[in-house]
C-alpha cells in the first residue's frame, strides 16, 4: 500500500484495527537504525580526526556538533518515546 507520507527513517500508513477503527501508523524503515548509527559514527570520527589534524578547528567544536547531531538523530528512532510525547 502506498504510504501517506515518507521520510528518511519511516513511512506513515493508514490502517484499520480489528474493531474497524481507522488509525495511522508509523513504520520504521528496515535496517535504518544500524545504517544511521554507522553513518553518524563515521561523521563523529571524521570530525575528531579533522580536529586532530587541524587543532584550530577544535574551537569550532566540530565533534561537539556532530555528537549532538548523532544524539538527536538516534532519539528520532525511539518511536515509543515519540508516542509518549504525543500523549502528554
Protein backbone atom coordinates (compact mmCIF):
# COMPACT_ATOMS: atom_id res chain seq x y z
CA UNK A 1 0.00 0.00 0.00
CA UNK A 2 1.22 3.50 -0.84
CA UNK A 3 2.32 5.45 2.26
CA UNK A 4 0.57 8.68 3.28
CA UNK A 5 3.99 10.17 3.98
CA UNK A 6 7.59 9.08 3.74
CA UNK A 7 10.71 10.47 5.37
CA UNK A 8 14.31 9.39 5.80
CA UNK A 9 13.67 6.93 8.64
CA UNK A 10 9.99 5.99 8.42
CA UNK A 11 6.77 5.85 6.45
CA UNK A 12 3.23 6.65 7.58
CA UNK A 13 0.36 4.37 6.53
CA UNK A 14 -3.39 4.18 7.04
CA UNK A 15 -4.59 1.06 8.82
CA UNK A 16 -7.79 -0.38 10.24
CA UNK A 17 -7.96 -2.11 13.61
CA UNK A 18 -9.99 -5.30 14.06
CA UNK A 19 -12.61 -3.09 15.73
CA UNK A 20 -12.98 -1.22 12.45
CA UNK A 21 -11.38 1.97 13.79
CA UNK A 22 -9.17 3.70 11.25
CA UNK A 23 -5.71 4.64 12.51
CA UNK A 24 -2.42 5.94 11.20
CA UNK A 25 0.75 4.00 11.89
CA UNK A 26 4.38 4.98 11.56
CA UNK A 27 6.67 2.22 10.30
CA UNK A 28 10.44 2.45 10.68
CA UNK A 29 12.34 1.53 7.54
CA UNK A 30 14.09 -1.86 7.92
CA UNK A 31 17.73 -1.62 8.99
CA UNK A 32 17.65 2.17 9.32
CA UNK A 33 18.87 2.08 12.94
CA UNK A 34 22.13 0.30 12.14
CA UNK A 35 22.67 2.33 8.99
CA UNK A 36 22.13 5.59 10.85
CA UNK A 37 24.39 4.55 13.75
CA UNK A 38 27.15 3.63 11.31
CA UNK A 39 26.88 6.84 9.28
CA UNK A 40 26.73 9.09 12.35
CA UNK A 41 29.62 7.23 13.97
CA UNK A 42 31.67 7.86 10.84
CA UNK A 43 30.81 11.58 10.90
CA UNK A 44 31.85 11.86 14.55
CA UNK A 45 35.12 10.02 13.90
CA UNK A 46 35.85 12.21 10.88
CA UNK A 47 35.22 15.33 12.98
CA UNK A 48 37.64 14.12 15.66
CA UNK A 49 40.31 13.37 13.04
CA UNK A 50 39.87 16.79 11.45
CA UNK A 51 40.22 18.44 14.87
CA UNK A 52 43.41 16.43 15.44
CA UNK A 53 44.87 17.34 12.05
CA UNK A 54 43.79 21.00 12.28
CA UNK A 55 43.94 21.90 16.01
CA UNK A 56 42.45 25.35 15.37
CA UNK A 57 39.23 23.62 14.23
CA UNK A 58 38.76 22.27 17.74
CA UNK A 59 37.50 25.74 18.72
CA UNK A 60 34.56 25.26 16.35
CA UNK A 61 33.58 22.20 18.37
CA UNK A 62 33.00 20.19 15.22
CA UNK A 63 32.98 16.95 17.20
CA UNK A 64 30.55 18.52 19.68
CA UNK A 65 28.17 19.47 16.89
CA UNK A 66 28.36 16.03 15.29
CA UNK A 67 27.90 14.41 18.72
CA UNK A 68 24.76 16.49 19.31
CA UNK A 69 23.50 15.63 15.83
CA UNK A 70 24.10 11.94 16.50
CA UNK A 71 22.20 12.04 19.80
CA UNK A 72 19.30 13.92 18.24
CA UNK A 73 19.03 11.62 15.22
CA UNK A 74 19.22 8.45 17.32
CA UNK A 75 16.45 9.82 19.54
CA UNK A 76 14.28 10.05 16.42
CA UNK A 77 14.48 6.26 16.15
CA UNK A 78 12.69 5.82 19.51
CA UNK A 79 9.05 5.66 18.44
CA UNK A 80 7.94 4.68 21.98
CA UNK A 81 9.33 7.96 23.31
CA UNK A 82 7.66 9.82 20.46
CA UNK A 83 4.33 8.16 21.27
CA UNK A 84 4.63 9.15 24.94
CA UNK A 85 5.32 12.75 23.91
CA UNK A 86 2.11 12.87 21.86
CA UNK A 87 0.07 11.75 24.87
CA UNK A 88 1.50 14.37 27.22
